[in-house]
Amino acid sequence: MRTDMKHMLARHLELDSFFTGDFSIRGKRSDPTASTMPLSTDSEIMNDTAEHQDTIFSNDADAQPLAHVETLEDIAAAVRQCRLCGLAQTRTHAVPGQGHPKARLVFVGEGPGEDEDAQGLAFVGRAGKKLTEIIGAMGLKREDVFICNVVKCRPPGNRDPRPDEIIQCMPYLKRQLELIGPQMIVALGAHAARTLLQTDEVIGKLRGRFFEYRFSQDVPPAKLMPTYHPSYLLRNYTLETRRRVWEDMQKVMQELGLKSAKP
């Protein structure tokens, strides 16, 4: 797994400019806070990645500092105190995620935006409202599911999260999923899908298909459905894009035995 992750992150760096021009979240780049934090070079990021990866992704229980954490509330508290990467210097609030502690369905996005950073809640801005509509059309309410992100703090200017930031945050997400034990995970957008699946494939080729997400060797895997992020849907609000997202959600509903609330 460590070798696969190193390869994936190397490819992530090589192809980042290509993918961010594809289907991942894009935000305004003029945020003045973005220039107050020096950006690392690719070599610095990869060195940092190599230094921390063996601890974070090791199967050794002693190398997993969150293995003993037994509640989502404790994870949320740890996230709010976290200072492992530079995002802690620019955030207003950390955004651990929220929802049903034993949800059958978990939505995982890329990272908090401006509204989420202000409120400390996941998916409460324009993209969050669209996600709420999607959840409602599936016959569910937000309190029926769990909603979170790969990184728990807003990247300055809503830029894409960097590989080193994803690596530092991944143990939080991994432990959240282990504790919830969902039947289904929906990965919203390229970064969430690529991180959870350890792949460098584009979201357009991943969406619409079920994959396995394994919590551990002792627990049956969840099914994982990649689809477009609500932000991409809002920017490309065409009949075709909406149809594709709804087709993806209909497959999820079928697996979960849900009936649509749409007329």
C-alpha atoms as a PDB file:
ATOM      1  CA  MET A   1       0.000   0.000   0.000  1.00  0.00           C
ATOM      2  CA  ARG A   2       2.848   2.391   0.812  1.00  0.00           C
ATOM      3  CA  THR A   3       4.379   1.841  -2.633  1.00  0.00           C
ATOM      4  CA  ASP A   4       1.022   2.435  -4.309  1.00  0.00           C
ATOM      5  CA  MET A   5       0.502   5.639  -2.356  1.00  0.00           C
ATOM      6  CA  LYS A   6       3.968   6.948  -3.255  1.00  0.00           C
ATOM      7  CA  HIS A   7       3.282   6.260  -6.911  1.00  0.00           C
ATOM      8  CA  MET A   8      -0.145   7.878  -6.736  1.00  0.00           C
ATOM      9  CA  LEU A   9       1.183  11.038  -5.098  1.00  0.00           C
ATOM     10  CA  ALA A  10       4.028  11.306  -7.595  1.00  0.00           C
ATOM     11  CA  ARG A  11       1.519  11.049 -10.425  1.00  0.00           C
ATOM     12  CA  HIS A  12      -0.713  13.532  -8.629  1.00  0.00           C
ATOM     13  CA  LEU A  13       2.051  16.106  -8.732  1.00  0.00           C
ATOM     14  CA  GLU A  14       2.918  15.429 -12.358  1.00  0.00           C
ATOM     15  CA  LEU A  15      -0.687  15.683 -13.534  1.00  0.00           C
ATOM     16  CA  ASP A  16      -2.078  18.223 -11.086  1.00  0.00           C
ATOM     17  CA  SER A  17      -2.334  21.040 -13.597  1.00  0.00           C
ATOM     18  CA  PHE A  18      -4.124  18.757 -16.018  1.00  0.00           C
ATOM     19  CA  PHE A  19      -6.639  17.482 -13.491  1.00  0.00           C
ATOM     20  CA  THR A  20      -7.401  20.875 -11.988  1.00  0.00           C
ATOM     21  CA  GLY A  21      -8.386  21.976 -15.441  1.00  0.00           C
ATOM     22  CA  ASP A  22     -10.771  19.021 -15.538  1.00  0.00           C
ATOM     23  CA  PHE A  23     -13.501  18.408 -12.958  1.00  0.00           C
ATOM     24  CA  SER A  24     -12.071  19.376  -9.566  1.00  0.00           C
ATOM     25  CA  ILE A  25     -13.223  22.380  -7.561  1.00  0.00           C
ATOM     26  CA  ARG A  26     -11.845  25.696  -8.642  1.00  0.00           C
ATOM     27  CA  GLY A  27     -12.052  28.888  -6.643  1.00  0.00           C
ATOM     28  CA  LYS A  28     -11.018  32.490  -6.929  1.00  0.00           C
ATOM     29  CA  ARG A  29      -7.251  32.892  -6.847  1.00  0.00           C
ATOM     30  CA  SER A  30      -7.257  36.512  -5.726  1.00  0.00           C
ATOM     31  CA  ASP A  31      -7.728  35.779  -2.024  1.00  0.00           C
ATOM     32  CA  PRO A  32      -5.061  37.865  -0.268  1.00  0.00           C
ATOM     33  CA  THR A  33      -4.472  35.124   2.300  1.00  0.00           C
ATOM     34  CA  ALA A  34      -3.161  32.880  -0.447  1.00  0.00           C
ATOM     35  CA  SER A  35       0.010  34.922  -0.800  1.00  0.00           C
ATOM     36  CA  THR A  36       0.819  35.003   2.921  1.00  0.00           C
ATOM     37  CA  MET A  37       1.766  31.323   3.005  1.00  0.00           C
ATOM     38  CA  PRO A  38       4.835  30.325   0.952  1.00  0.00           C
ATOM     39  CA  LEU A  39       4.179  27.476  -1.446  1.00  0.00           C
ATOM     40  CA  SER A  40       6.428  24.453  -1.327  1.00  0.00           C
ATOM     41  CA  THR A  41       8.195  23.207  -4.399  1.00  0.00           C
ATOM     42  CA  ASP A  42       7.276  19.813  -5.808  1.00  0.00           C
ATOM     43  CA  SER A  43      10.507  18.302  -4.475  1.00  0.00           C
ATOM     44  CA  GLU A  44       9.820  19.694  -0.998  1.00  0.00           C
ATOM     45  CA  ILE A  45       6.302  18.265  -1.064  1.00  0.00           C
ATOM     46  CA  MET A  46       7.534  14.840  -2.111  1.00  0.00           C
ATOM     47  CA  ASN A  47      10.248  14.863   0.553  1.00  0.00           C
ATOM     48  CA  ASP A  48       7.619  15.726   3.144  1.00  0.00           C
ATOM     49  CA  THR A  49       5.382  13.020   1.717  1.00  0.00           C
ATOM     50  CA  ALA A  50       8.089  10.374   2.039  1.00  0.00           C
ATOM     51  CA  GLU A  51       8.887  11.466   5.590  1.00  0.00           C
ATOM     52  CA  HIS A  52       5.307  11.126   6.889  1.00  0.00           C
ATOM     53  CA  GLN A  53       3.786   8.456   4.704  1.00  0.00           C
ATOM     54  CA  ASP A  54       5.196   5.357   6.414  1.00  0.00           C
ATOM     55  CA  THR A  55       3.699   6.467   9.738  1.00  0.00           C
ATOM     56  CA  ILE A  56       0.316   7.512   8.396  1.00  0.00           C
ATOM     57  CA  PHE A  57      -0.311   4.566   6.090  1.00  0.00           C
ATOM     58  CA  SER A  58       1.418   1.839   8.061  1.00  0.00           C
ATOM     59  CA  ASN A  59      -0.590  -1.213   9.107  1.00  0.00           C
ATOM     60  CA  ASP A  60       1.202  -1.163  12.440  1.00  0.00           C
ATOM     61  CA  ALA A  61      -1.303  -0.121  15.115  1.00  0.00           C
ATOM     62  CA  ASP A  62       1.366   1.751  17.067  1.00  0.00           C
ATOM     63  CA  ALA A  63       1.961   3.968  14.022  1.00  0.00           C
ATOM     64  CA  GLN A  64      -1.712   4.975  13.781  1.00  0.00           C
ATOM     65  CA  PRO A  65      -2.293   7.683  16.410  1.00  0.00           C
ATOM     66  CA  LEU A  66      -6.078   7.657  15.853  1.00  0.00           C
ATOM     67  CA  ALA A  67      -6.553   3.895  16.170  1.00  0.00           C
ATOM     68  CA  HIS A  68      -7.604   4.286  19.812  1.00  0.00           C
ATOM     69  CA  VAL A  69     -10.155   7.035  19.081  1.00  0.00           C
ATOM     70  CA  GLU A  70     -13.635   5.549  19.434  1.00  0.00           C
ATOM     71  CA  THR A  71     -16.044   8.427  18.698  1.00  0.00           C
ATOM     72  CA  LEU A  72     -16.582  10.929  15.910  1.00  0.00           C
ATOM     73  CA  GLU A  73     -16.717  13.676  18.543  1.00  0.00           C
ATOM     74  CA  ASP A  74     -13.151  12.858  19.611  1.00  0.00           C
ATOM     75  CA  ILE A  75     -12.002  12.974  15.992  1.00  0.00           C
ATOM     76  CA  ALA A  76     -13.714  16.345  15.561  1.00  0.00           C
ATOM     77  CA  ALA A  77     -11.930  17.647  18.657  1.00  0.00           C
ATOM     78  CA  ALA A  78      -8.589  16.412  17.309  1.00  0.00           C
ATOM     79  CA  VAL A  79      -9.257  18.068  13.942  1.00  0.00           C
ATOM     80  CA  ARG A  80     -10.024  21.398  15.600  1.00  0.00           C
ATOM     81  CA  GLN A  81      -6.717  21.256  17.481  1.00  0.00           C
ATOM     82  CA  CYS A  82      -4.685  19.994  14.517  1.00  0.00           C
ATOM     83  CA  ARG A  83      -1.610  21.940  13.437  1.00  0.00           C
ATOM     84  CA  LEU A  84       0.029  19.313  11.219  1.00  0.00           C
ATOM     85  CA  CYS A  85       0.024  21.406   8.035  1.00  0.00           C
ATOM     86  CA  GLY A  86       0.015  25.041   6.999  1.00  0.00           C
ATOM     87  CA  LEU A  87      -3.748  25.161   6.472  1.00  0.00           C
ATOM     88  CA  ALA A  88      -4.122  25.575  10.232  1.00  0.00           C
ATOM     89  CA  GLN A  89      -2.476  29.002   9.924  1.00  0.00           C
ATOM     90  CA  THR A  90      -5.080  30.396   7.529  1.00  0.00           C
ATOM     91  CA  ARG A  91      -8.325  28.704   8.580  1.00  0.00           C
ATOM     92  CA  THR A  92     -11.097  30.376  10.548  1.00  0.00           C
ATOM     93  CA  HIS A  93     -12.595  27.075  11.660  1.00  0.00           C
ATOM     94  CA  ALA A  94     -11.640  23.489  11.017  1.00  0.00           C
ATOM     95  CA  VAL A  95     -14.431  21.488   9.377  1.00  0.00           C
ATOM     96  CA  PRO A  96     -14.474  17.886  10.676  1.00  0.00           C
ATOM     97  CA  GLY A  97     -17.776  16.964   9.020  1.00  0.00           C
ATOM     98  CA  GLN A  98     -21.203  16.230  10.430  1.00  0.00           C
ATOM     99  CA  GLY A  99     -24.160  13.898  10.188  1.00  0.00           C
ATOM    100  CA  HIS A 100     -25.446  10.556  11.392  1.00  0.00           C
ATOM    101  CA  PRO A 101     -22.773   8.646  13.369  1.00  0.00           C
ATOM    102  CA  LYS A 102     -23.844   5.327  11.824  1.00  0.00           C
ATOM    103  CA  ALA A 103     -24.942   6.544   8.414  1.00  0.00           C
ATOM    104  CA  ARG A 104     -25.346   3.970   5.676  1.00  0.00           C
ATOM    105  CA  LEU A 105     -24.290   6.649   3.165  1.00  0.00           C
ATOM    106  CA  VAL A 106     -21.294   9.008   3.442  1.00  0.00           C
ATOM    107  CA  PHE A 107     -20.500  11.855   1.059  1.00  0.00           C
ATOM    108  CA  VAL A 108     -16.812  12.846   0.831  1.00  0.00           C
ATOM    109  CA  GLY A 109     -15.793  16.075  -0.891  1.00  0.00           C
ATOM    110  CA  GLU A 110     -12.491  17.782  -1.527  1.00  0.00           C
ATOM    111  CA  GLY A 111     -12.204  20.476   1.135  1.00  0.00           C
ATOM    112  CA  PRO A 112     -14.081  23.299   2.863  1.00  0.00           C
ATOM    113  CA  GLY A 113     -14.867  26.532   1.042  1.00  0.00           C
ATOM    114  CA  GLU A 114     -15.375  30.042   2.355  1.00  0.00           C
ATOM    115  CA  ASP A 115     -18.814  29.437   3.870  1.00  0.00           C
ATOM    116  CA  GLU A 116     -17.705  26.175   5.446  1.00  0.00           C
ATOM    117  CA  ASP A 117     -14.609  27.825   6.911  1.00  0.00           C
ATOM    118  CA  ALA A 118     -16.775  30.576   8.423  1.00  0.00           C
ATOM    119  CA  GLN A 119     -19.259  28.166  10.014  1.00  0.00           C
ATOM    120  CA  GLY A 120     -17.131  25.100  10.732  1.00  0.00           C
ATOM    121  CA  LEU A 121     -19.647  22.899   8.885  1.00  0.00           C
ATOM    122  CA  ALA A 122     -19.221  20.850   5.723  1.00  0.00           C
ATOM    123  CA  PHE A 123     -21.139  21.722   2.537  1.00  0.00           C
ATOM    124  CA  VAL A 124     -23.147  24.759   3.656  1.00  0.00           C
ATOM    125  CA  GLY A 125     -22.385  27.100   0.738  1.00  0.00           C
ATOM    126  CA  ARG A 126     -23.813  27.037  -2.792  1.00  0.00           C
ATOM    127  CA  ALA A 127     -22.368  23.579  -3.454  1.00  0.00           C
ATOM    128  CA  GLY A 128     -23.795  22.451  -0.137  1.00  0.00           C
ATOM    129  CA  LYS A 129     -27.267  23.613  -1.093  1.00  0.00           C
ATOM    130  CA  LYS A 130     -27.013  21.646  -4.313  1.00  0.00           C
ATOM    131  CA  LEU A 131     -25.869  18.586  -2.365  1.00  0.00           C
ATOM    132  CA  THR A 132     -28.862  19.017  -0.045  1.00  0.00           C
ATOM    133  CA  GLU A 133     -31.133  18.996  -3.113  1.00  0.00           C
ATOM    134  CA  ILE A 134     -29.504  15.802  -4.346  1.00  0.00           C
ATOM    135  CA  ILE A 135     -29.873  14.135  -0.954  1.00  0.00           C
ATOM    136  CA  GLY A 136     -33.518  15.202  -0.817  1.00  0.00           C
ATOM    137  CA  ALA A 137     -34.171  13.811  -4.301  1.00  0.00           C
ATOM    138  CA  MET A 138     -32.817  10.494  -3.028  1.00  0.00           C
ATOM    139  CA  GLY A 139     -35.535  10.448  -0.372  1.00  0.00           C
ATOM    140  CA  LEU A 140     -33.144  11.322   2.457  1.00  0.00           C
ATOM    141  CA  LYS A 141     -32.338  14.250   4.726  1.00  0.00           C
ATOM    142  CA  ARG A 142     -28.897  15.601   5.565  1.00  0.00           C
ATOM    143  CA  GLU A 143     -29.201  14.200   9.089  1.00  0.00           C
ATOM    144  CA  ASP A 144     -29.590  10.719   7.597  1.00  0.00           C
ATOM    145  CA  VAL A 145     -26.121  10.790   6.010  1.00  0.00           C
ATOM    146  CA  PHE A 146     -22.608  11.857   6.988  1.00  0.00           C
ATOM    147  CA  ILE A 147     -20.903  14.649   5.036  1.00  0.00           C
ATOM    148  CA  CYS A 148     -17.189  15.431   5.196  1.00  0.00           C
ATOM    149  CA  ASN A 149     -14.091  16.251   3.142  1.00  0.00           C
ATOM    150  CA  VAL A 150     -10.668  14.840   2.399  1.00  0.00           C
ATOM    151  CA  VAL A 151      -8.977  17.870   3.987  1.00  0.00           C
ATOM    152  CA  LYS A 152     -10.565  19.428   7.030  1.00  0.00           C
ATOM    153  CA  CYS A 153      -9.403  23.029   6.604  1.00  0.00           C
ATOM    154  CA  ARG A 154      -9.999  25.456   3.751  1.00  0.00           C
ATOM    155  CA  PRO A 155      -7.080  25.841   1.342  1.00  0.00           C
ATOM    156  CA  PRO A 156      -6.422  29.590   0.880  1.00  0.00           C
ATOM    157  CA  GLY A 157      -8.337  31.062  -2.020  1.00  0.00           C
ATOM    158  CA  ASN A 158     -10.197  27.752  -2.438  1.00  0.00           C
ATOM    159  CA  ARG A 159      -7.204  26.311  -4.250  1.00  0.00           C
ATOM    160  CA  ASP A 160      -6.874  22.563  -4.620  1.00  0.00           C
ATOM    161  CA  PRO A 161      -5.415  20.736  -1.609  1.00  0.00           C
ATOM    162  CA  ARG A 162      -1.784  19.755  -2.043  1.00  0.00           C
ATOM    163  CA  PRO A 163      -0.562  16.169  -1.671  1.00  0.00           C
ATOM    164  CA  ASP A 164       1.198  16.905   1.621  1.00  0.00           C
ATOM    165  CA  GLU A 165      -1.996  18.392   3.054  1.00  0.00           C
ATOM    166  CA  ILE A 166      -4.018  15.382   1.928  1.00  0.00           C
ATOM    167  CA  ILE A 167      -1.518  13.015   3.558  1.00  0.00           C
ATOM    168  CA  GLN A 168      -1.671  14.836   6.894  1.00  0.00           C
ATOM    169  CA  CYS A 169      -5.493  14.812   6.888  1.00  0.00           C
ATOM    170  CA  MET A 170      -6.089  11.302   5.575  1.00  0.00           C
ATOM    171  CA  PRO A 171      -5.895   9.556   9.002  1.00  0.00           C
ATOM    172  CA  TYR A 172      -8.853  11.655  10.202  1.00  0.00           C
ATOM    173  CA  LEU A 173     -11.000  10.676   7.225  1.00  0.00           C
ATOM    174  CA  LYS A 174      -9.901   7.043   7.385  1.00  0.00           C
ATOM    175  CA  ARG A 175     -10.839   6.777  11.061  1.00  0.00           C
ATOM    176  CA  GLN A 176     -14.161   8.532  10.496  1.00  0.00           C
ATOM    177  CA  LEU A 177     -15.079   5.986   7.843  1.00  0.00           C
ATOM    178  CA  GLU A 178     -13.969   3.114  10.065  1.00  0.00           C
ATOM    179  CA  LEU A 179     -16.157   4.317  12.951  1.00  0.00           C
ATOM    180  CA  ILE A 180     -19.206   5.026  10.798  1.00  0.00           C
ATOM    181  CA  GLY A 181     -18.882   1.837   8.778  1.00  0.00           C
ATOM    182  CA  PRO A 182     -21.093   3.004   5.894  1.00  0.00           C
ATOM    183  CA  GLN A 183     -22.525   0.673   3.309  1.00  0.00           C
ATOM    184  CA  MET A 184     -21.941   3.259   0.588  1.00  0.00           C
ATOM    185  CA  ILE A 185     -19.480   6.128   0.029  1.00  0.00           C
ATOM    186  CA  VAL A 186     -20.025   8.776  -2.636  1.00  0.00           C
ATOM    187  CA  ALA A 187     -16.785  10.508  -3.636  1.00  0.00           C
ATOM    188  CA  LEU A 188     -17.616  14.004  -4.830  1.00  0.00           C
ATOM    189  CA  GLY A 189     -15.126  15.144  -7.450  1.00  0.00           C
ATOM    190  CA  ALA A 190     -11.664  14.220  -8.642  1.00  0.00           C
ATOM    191  CA  HIS A 191      -9.663  14.755  -5.453  1.00  0.00           C
ATOM    192  CA  ALA A 192     -11.977  12.706  -3.245  1.00  0.00           C
ATOM    193  CA  ALA A 193     -12.211   9.884  -5.770  1.00  0.00           C
ATOM    194  CA  ARG A 194      -8.477   9.771  -6.514  1.00  0.00           C
ATOM    195  CA  THR A 195      -7.553   9.886  -2.823  1.00  0.00           C
ATOM    196  CA  LEU A 196      -9.958   7.178  -1.683  1.00  0.00           C
ATOM    197  CA  LEU A 197      -9.233   4.916  -4.650  1.00  0.00           C
ATOM    198  CA  GLN A 198      -5.475   5.631  -4.809  1.00  0.00           C
ATOM    199  CA  THR A 199      -5.631   6.292  -8.521  1.00  0.00           C
ATOM    200  CA  ASP A 200      -4.695   9.085 -10.905  1.00  0.00           C
ATOM    201  CA  GLU A 201      -7.628   8.501 -13.261  1.00  0.00           C
ATOM    202  CA  VAL A 202      -9.874  11.421 -14.249  1.00  0.00           C
ATOM    203  CA  ILE A 203     -13.288  11.701 -12.618  1.00  0.00           C
ATOM    204  CA  GLY A 204     -15.022  11.491 -15.978  1.00  0.00           C
ATOM    205  CA  LYS A 205     -13.763   7.922 -16.370  1.00  0.00           C
ATOM    206  CA  LEU A 206     -14.338   6.928 -12.739  1.00  0.00           C
ATOM    207  CA  ARG A 207     -17.899   8.175 -12.270  1.00  0.00           C
ATOM    208  CA  GLY A 208     -20.860   5.897 -12.684  1.00  0.00           C
ATOM    209  CA  ARG A 209     -19.019   2.751 -11.541  1.00  0.00           C
ATOM    210  CA  PHE A 210     -18.867   1.034  -8.187  1.00  0.00           C
ATOM    211  CA  PHE A 211     -15.515   0.385  -6.526  1.00  0.00           C
ATOM    212  CA  GLU A 212     -14.601  -1.187  -3.202  1.00  0.00           C
ATOM    213  CA  TYR A 213     -13.321   0.807  -0.252  1.00  0.00           C
ATOM    214  CA  ARG A 214     -11.742  -1.413   2.395  1.00  0.00           C
ATOM    215  CA  PHE A 215     -11.716  -0.251   6.012  1.00  0.00           C
ATOM    216  CA  SER A 216      -9.477  -3.138   7.075  1.00  0.00           C
ATOM    217  CA  GLN A 217      -8.903  -6.794   6.286  1.00  0.00           C
ATOM    218  CA  ASP A 218     -11.386  -7.798   9.003  1.00  0.00           C
ATOM    219  CA  VAL A 219     -14.337  -5.638   7.898  1.00  0.00           C
ATOM    220  CA  PRO A 220     -16.391  -6.085   4.719  1.00  0.00           C
ATOM    221  CA  PRO A 221     -15.699  -3.283   2.236  1.00  0.00           C
ATOM    222  CA  ALA A 222     -18.072  -0.465   1.414  1.00  0.00           C
ATOM    223  CA  LYS A 223     -19.117   0.313  -2.120  1.00  0.00           C
ATOM    224  CA  LEU A 224     -17.761   3.586  -3.456  1.00  0.00           C
ATOM    225  CA  MET A 225     -19.359   5.634  -6.233  1.00  0.00           C
ATOM    226  CA  PRO A 226     -17.397   8.557  -7.718  1.00  0.00           C
ATOM    227  CA  THR A 227     -19.441  11.367  -9.230  1.00  0.00           C
ATOM    228  CA  TYR A 228     -19.041  15.015 -10.144  1.00  0.00           C
ATOM    229  CA  HIS A 229     -18.678  17.539  -7.338  1.00  0.00           C
ATOM    230  CA  PRO A 230     -21.687  19.839  -6.803  1.00  0.00           C
ATOM    231  CA  SER A 231     -19.432  22.814  -7.610  1.00  0.00           C
ATOM    232  CA  TYR A 232     -18.706  21.349 -11.035  1.00  0.00           C
ATOM    233  CA  LEU A 233     -22.404  20.690 -11.492  1.00  0.00           C
ATOM    234  CA  LEU A 234     -23.198  24.342 -10.719  1.00  0.00           C
ATOM    235  CA  ARG A 235     -20.571  25.597 -13.160  1.00  0.00           C
ATOM    236  CA  ASN A 236     -21.714  23.221 -15.879  1.00  0.00           C
ATOM    237  CA  TYR A 237     -25.446  23.138 -15.265  1.00  0.00           C
ATOM    238  CA  THR A 238     -26.387  21.354 -18.443  1.00  0.00           C
ATOM    239  CA  LEU A 239     -29.004  18.684 -18.978  1.00  0.00           C
ATOM    240  CA  GLU A 240     -26.251  16.159 -19.739  1.00  0.00           C
ATOM    241  CA  THR A 241     -24.275  16.858 -16.563  1.00  0.00           C
ATOM    242  CA  ARG A 242     -27.371  16.731 -14.388  1.00  0.00           C
ATOM    243  CA  ARG A 243     -28.421  13.484 -16.048  1.00  0.00           C
ATOM    244  CA  ARG A 244     -25.065  11.868 -15.335  1.00  0.00           C
ATOM    245  CA  VAL A 245     -25.090  12.836 -11.659  1.00  0.00           C
ATOM    246  CA  TRP A 246     -28.664  11.627 -11.239  1.00  0.00           C
ATOM    247  CA  GLU A 247     -27.818   8.340 -12.955  1.00  0.00           C
ATOM    248  CA  ASP A 248     -24.959   7.880 -10.476  1.00  0.00           C
ATOM    249  CA  MET A 249     -27.249   8.592  -7.531  1.00  0.00           C
ATOM    250  CA  GLN A 250     -29.922   6.233  -8.870  1.00  0.00           C
ATOM    251  CA  LYS A 251     -27.349   3.436  -8.824  1.00  0.00           C
ATOM    252  CA  VAL A 252     -26.516   4.316  -5.220  1.00  0.00           C
ATOM    253  CA  MET A 253     -30.206   4.355  -4.319  1.00  0.00           C
ATOM    254  CA  GLN A 254     -30.739   0.966  -5.898  1.00  0.00           C
ATOM    255  CA  GLU A 255     -27.923  -0.525  -3.837  1.00  0.00           C
ATOM    256  CA  LEU A 256     -29.337   1.002  -0.650  1.00  0.00           C
ATOM    257  CA  GLY A 257     -32.954   0.135  -1.435  1.00  0.00           C
ATOM    258  CA  LEU A 258     -34.050   3.785  -1.506  1.00  0.00           C
ATOM    259  CA  LYS A 259     -37.014   5.224  -3.352  1.00  0.00           C
ATOM    260  CA  SER A 260     -36.669   8.548  -5.137  1.00  0.00           C
ATOM    261  CA  ALA A 261     -38.495  11.589  -3.806  1.00  0.00           C
ATOM    262  CA  LYS A 262     -38.506  13.081  -7.312  1.00  0.00           C
ATOM    263  CA  PRO A 263     -41.890  13.038  -9.102  1.00  0.00           C
END
